[in-house]
Amino acid sequence: MVFRLYEKENINVRLSFSNTDMVESFNQYIPELKASFENYPLVLKDFKVRAIGE
């Protein structure tokens, strides 16, 4: 997991999993995770999930 904070409030998130099955399993939680940022002063600009090697 990598977080990139820039311009004091913008954030990018990158998640890497060992295989595509894990990525597919995690994808169901992405809308909830993105919505949770509405409760914080950070602005989620980009969120990417991938399998290592993609």
Protein backbone atom coordinates (compact mmCIF):
# COMPACT_ATOMS: atom_id res chain seq x y z
CA MET A 1 0.00 0.00 0.00
CA VAL A 2 1.37 3.38 -0.99
CA PHE A 3 -0.08 6.75 -0.06
CA ARG A 4 1.01 9.90 -1.86
CA LEU A 5 0.07 13.13 -0.15
CA TYR A 6 0.54 16.33 -2.12
CA GLU A 7 -0.58 19.95 -2.05
CA LYS A 8 -1.35 19.52 1.69
CA GLU A 9 -4.71 17.77 1.20
CA ASN A 10 -4.72 15.63 -1.96
CA ILE A 11 -3.99 11.94 -1.70
CA ASN A 12 -3.42 9.08 -4.13
CA VAL A 13 -3.63 5.48 -2.95
CA ARG A 14 -2.05 2.44 -4.62
CA LEU A 15 -2.70 -1.11 -3.44
CA SER A 16 -0.83 -4.10 -4.81
CA PHE A 17 -1.81 -7.69 -4.20
CA SER A 18 0.05 -10.87 -5.03
CA ASN A 19 -2.61 -12.15 -7.44
CA THR A 20 -5.67 -11.10 -9.41
CA ASP A 21 -8.05 -13.12 -7.23
CA MET A 22 -7.20 -10.87 -4.29
CA VAL A 23 -7.72 -7.79 -6.44
CA GLU A 24 -11.15 -9.02 -7.50
CA SER A 25 -12.08 -9.80 -3.88
CA PHE A 26 -10.95 -6.37 -2.70
CA ASN A 27 -12.77 -4.48 -5.49
CA GLN A 28 -16.10 -4.90 -3.70
CA TYR A 29 -14.82 -2.66 -0.86
CA ILE A 30 -13.59 0.20 -3.05
CA PRO A 31 -16.84 2.24 -3.07
CA GLU A 32 -17.05 2.06 0.72
CA LEU A 33 -13.40 3.01 1.08
CA LYS A 34 -13.76 5.97 -1.28
CA ALA A 35 -16.89 7.13 0.55
CA SER A 36 -15.05 7.03 3.89
CA PHE A 37 -12.74 9.81 2.68
CA GLU A 38 -15.71 12.19 2.76
CA ASN A 39 -15.30 12.22 6.55
CA TYR A 40 -11.69 13.43 6.41
CA PRO A 41 -10.03 16.67 5.34
CA LEU A 42 -8.07 14.76 2.68
CA VAL A 43 -9.26 14.72 -0.94
CA LEU A 44 -8.91 11.33 -2.58
CA LYS A 45 -7.74 12.09 -6.10
CA ASP A 46 -6.78 8.62 -7.32
CA PHE A 47 -7.22 5.06 -6.05
CA LYS A 48 -5.73 2.11 -7.88
CA VAL A 49 -5.69 -1.59 -7.06
CA ARG A 50 -3.57 -4.02 -9.04
CA ALA A 51 -1.92 -7.40 -8.95
CA ILE A 52 1.87 -7.39 -8.77
CA GLY A 53 3.27 -7.81 -12.25
CA GLU A 54 0.39 -6.08 -14.06
